Amino acid sequence: MNKPKTLMRPVLGRGVRYRWDEIRHQHQLLFPEGILVLNETGAAIVQLCDGQSLEQIKHELAKSFKNAHLEEDVDEFLDRLATRGLLHDDNNDTNA
């Protein structure tokens, strides 16, 4: 399987949205085919996927998660979401 291209400005895909489920006390990523329950770190990453650069995202995460080595974990997490079609690069491309 080919490794997906690293996203430079990740954004949620069409029909994908983040929400906090107050009843279940869960961070969730909703999409037409289902739901993905996120942990705190995953939710923090997804909430920053608004078209800002990957470097900006990592900088913001470093402020919240001090002493954590997030570089590879963030890249891997974003790649997994992109492979599932939940994220894409915000390059003004409508082929999301």
C-alpha atoms as a PDB file:
ATOM      1  CA  MET A   1       0.000   0.000   0.000  1.00  0.00           C
ATOM      2  CA  ASN A   2       1.315   3.463  -0.893  1.00  0.00           C
ATOM      3  CA  LYS A   3       1.951   5.921   1.909  1.00  0.00           C
ATOM      4  CA  PRO A   4      -0.369   8.926   1.509  1.00  0.00           C
ATOM      5  CA  LYS A   5       1.140  12.309   0.736  1.00  0.00           C
ATOM      6  CA  THR A   6       1.634  14.409   3.858  1.00  0.00           C
ATOM      7  CA  LEU A   7      -1.047  17.047   4.164  1.00  0.00           C
ATOM      8  CA  MET A   8       0.283  20.605   4.248  1.00  0.00           C
ATOM      9  CA  ARG A   9      -3.000  22.358   5.176  1.00  0.00           C
ATOM     10  CA  PRO A  10      -5.412  19.694   6.453  1.00  0.00           C
ATOM     11  CA  VAL A  11      -9.160  20.313   6.500  1.00  0.00           C
ATOM     12  CA  LEU A  12     -12.107  18.044   7.166  1.00  0.00           C
ATOM     13  CA  GLY A  13     -13.526  16.347   4.114  1.00  0.00           C
ATOM     14  CA  ARG A  14     -16.942  17.011   2.668  1.00  0.00           C
ATOM     15  CA  GLY A  15     -19.679  15.803   5.011  1.00  0.00           C
ATOM     16  CA  VAL A  16     -17.237  15.332   7.913  1.00  0.00           C
ATOM     17  CA  ARG A  17     -17.605  17.265  11.150  1.00  0.00           C
ATOM     18  CA  TYR A  18     -16.271  17.233  14.674  1.00  0.00           C
ATOM     19  CA  ARG A  19     -18.574  17.343  17.688  1.00  0.00           C
ATOM     20  CA  TRP A  20     -18.506  16.881  21.432  1.00  0.00           C
ATOM     21  CA  ASP A  21     -21.239  14.447  22.500  1.00  0.00           C
ATOM     22  CA  GLU A  22     -22.348  15.747  25.886  1.00  0.00           C
ATOM     23  CA  ILE A  23     -24.426  12.651  26.685  1.00  0.00           C
ATOM     24  CA  ARG A  24     -21.605  10.156  26.070  1.00  0.00           C
ATOM     25  CA  HIS A  25     -18.809  12.577  27.015  1.00  0.00           C
ATOM     26  CA  GLN A  26     -16.998  11.766  23.782  1.00  0.00           C
ATOM     27  CA  HIS A  27     -15.169  13.657  21.081  1.00  0.00           C
ATOM     28  CA  GLN A  28     -16.582  12.416  17.786  1.00  0.00           C
ATOM     29  CA  LEU A  29     -15.820  12.756  14.118  1.00  0.00           C
ATOM     30  CA  LEU A  30     -19.043  12.282  12.185  1.00  0.00           C
ATOM     31  CA  PHE A  31     -19.095  11.322   8.519  1.00  0.00           C
ATOM     32  CA  PRO A  32     -21.694   9.867   6.143  1.00  0.00           C
ATOM     33  CA  GLU A  33     -20.556   6.262   6.692  1.00  0.00           C
ATOM     34  CA  GLY A  34     -20.308   6.428  10.458  1.00  0.00           C
ATOM     35  CA  ILE A  35     -18.639   7.855  13.488  1.00  0.00           C
ATOM     36  CA  LEU A  36     -15.122   7.837  14.885  1.00  0.00           C
ATOM     37  CA  VAL A  37     -14.646   8.355  18.623  1.00  0.00           C
ATOM     38  CA  LEU A  38     -11.539  10.440  19.325  1.00  0.00           C
ATOM     39  CA  ASN A  39      -9.352  10.644  22.388  1.00  0.00           C
ATOM     40  CA  GLU A  40      -8.289  14.044  23.771  1.00  0.00           C
ATOM     41  CA  THR A  41      -5.204  14.264  21.583  1.00  0.00           C
ATOM     42  CA  GLY A  42      -7.038  13.222  18.432  1.00  0.00           C
ATOM     43  CA  ALA A  43      -9.772  15.765  19.134  1.00  0.00           C
ATOM     44  CA  ALA A  44      -7.183  18.514  19.654  1.00  0.00           C
ATOM     45  CA  ILE A  45      -5.584  17.674  16.308  1.00  0.00           C
ATOM     46  CA  VAL A  46      -8.883  17.504  14.403  1.00  0.00           C
ATOM     47  CA  GLN A  47     -10.089  20.808  15.833  1.00  0.00           C
ATOM     48  CA  LEU A  48      -6.993  22.490  14.388  1.00  0.00           C
ATOM     49  CA  CYS A  49      -7.588  21.090  10.890  1.00  0.00           C
ATOM     50  CA  ASP A  50      -9.122  24.261   9.530  1.00  0.00           C
ATOM     51  CA  GLY A  51      -6.740  25.032   6.685  1.00  0.00           C
ATOM     52  CA  GLN A  52      -3.845  26.317   8.756  1.00  0.00           C
ATOM     53  CA  SER A  53      -0.445  24.885   7.962  1.00  0.00           C
ATOM     54  CA  LEU A  54       0.767  21.614   9.407  1.00  0.00           C
ATOM     55  CA  GLU A  55       3.575  23.517  11.129  1.00  0.00           C
ATOM     56  CA  GLN A  56       1.052  25.865  12.781  1.00  0.00           C
ATOM     57  CA  ILE A  57      -0.963  22.870  13.982  1.00  0.00           C
ATOM     58  CA  LYS A  58       2.128  21.250  15.489  1.00  0.00           C
ATOM     59  CA  HIS A  59       3.107  24.546  17.130  1.00  0.00           C
ATOM     60  CA  GLU A  60      -0.349  24.895  18.747  1.00  0.00           C
ATOM     61  CA  LEU A  61      -0.286  21.282  19.918  1.00  0.00           C
ATOM     62  CA  ALA A  62       3.155  21.737  21.443  1.00  0.00           C
ATOM     63  CA  LYS A  63       1.724  24.516  23.629  1.00  0.00           C
ATOM     64  CA  SER A  64      -1.071  22.250  24.901  1.00  0.00           C
ATOM     65  CA  PHE A  65       0.908  19.017  25.188  1.00  0.00           C
ATOM     66  CA  LYS A  66       4.214  20.112  26.699  1.00  0.00           C
ATOM     67  CA  ASN A  67       7.068  17.601  26.749  1.00  0.00           C
ATOM     68  CA  ALA A  68       5.271  15.411  24.195  1.00  0.00           C
ATOM     69  CA  HIS A  69       7.041  14.340  21.032  1.00  0.00           C
ATOM     70  CA  LEU A  70       4.167  14.747  18.607  1.00  0.00           C
ATOM     71  CA  GLU A  71       5.853  15.107  15.212  1.00  0.00           C
ATOM     72  CA  GLU A  72       5.527  11.539  13.956  1.00  0.00           C
ATOM     73  CA  ASP A  73       2.285  10.845  15.825  1.00  0.00           C
ATOM     74  CA  VAL A  74       0.543  13.860  14.299  1.00  0.00           C
ATOM     75  CA  ASP A  75       1.716  12.965  10.789  1.00  0.00           C
ATOM     76  CA  GLU A  76       0.631   9.350  11.216  1.00  0.00           C
ATOM     77  CA  PHE A  77      -2.782  10.321  12.653  1.00  0.00           C
ATOM     78  CA  LEU A  78      -3.458  12.789   9.827  1.00  0.00           C
ATOM     79  CA  ASP A  79      -2.336  10.255   7.219  1.00  0.00           C
ATOM     80  CA  ARG A  80      -4.746   7.655   8.640  1.00  0.00           C
ATOM     81  CA  LEU A  81      -7.646  10.121   8.531  1.00  0.00           C
ATOM     82  CA  ALA A  82      -6.719  11.175   4.992  1.00  0.00           C
ATOM     83  CA  THR A  83      -6.533   7.538   3.855  1.00  0.00           C
ATOM     84  CA  ARG A  84     -10.108   7.082   5.110  1.00  0.00           C
ATOM     85  CA  GLY A  85     -11.190  10.200   3.191  1.00  0.00           C
ATOM     86  CA  LEU A  86     -11.922  12.192   6.351  1.00  0.00           C
ATOM     87  CA  LEU A  87      -9.278  14.865   5.675  1.00  0.00           C
ATOM     88  CA  HIS A  88      -7.818  16.451   2.597  1.00  0.00           C
ATOM     89  CA  ASP A  89      -5.373  19.230   1.782  1.00  0.00           C
ATOM     90  CA  ASP A  90      -6.873  22.706   1.609  1.00  0.00           C
ATOM     91  CA  ASN A  91      -5.435  23.618  -1.749  1.00  0.00           C
ATOM     92  CA  ASN A  92      -8.663  25.077  -3.140  1.00  0.00           C
ATOM     93  CA  ASP A  93      -9.205  21.729  -4.868  1.00  0.00           C
ATOM     94  CA  THR A  94     -12.864  20.705  -5.023  1.00  0.00           C
ATOM     95  CA  ASN A  95     -12.006  17.005  -5.425  1.00  0.00           C
ATOM     96  CA  ALA A  96     -12.307  16.344  -1.692  1.00  0.00           C
END
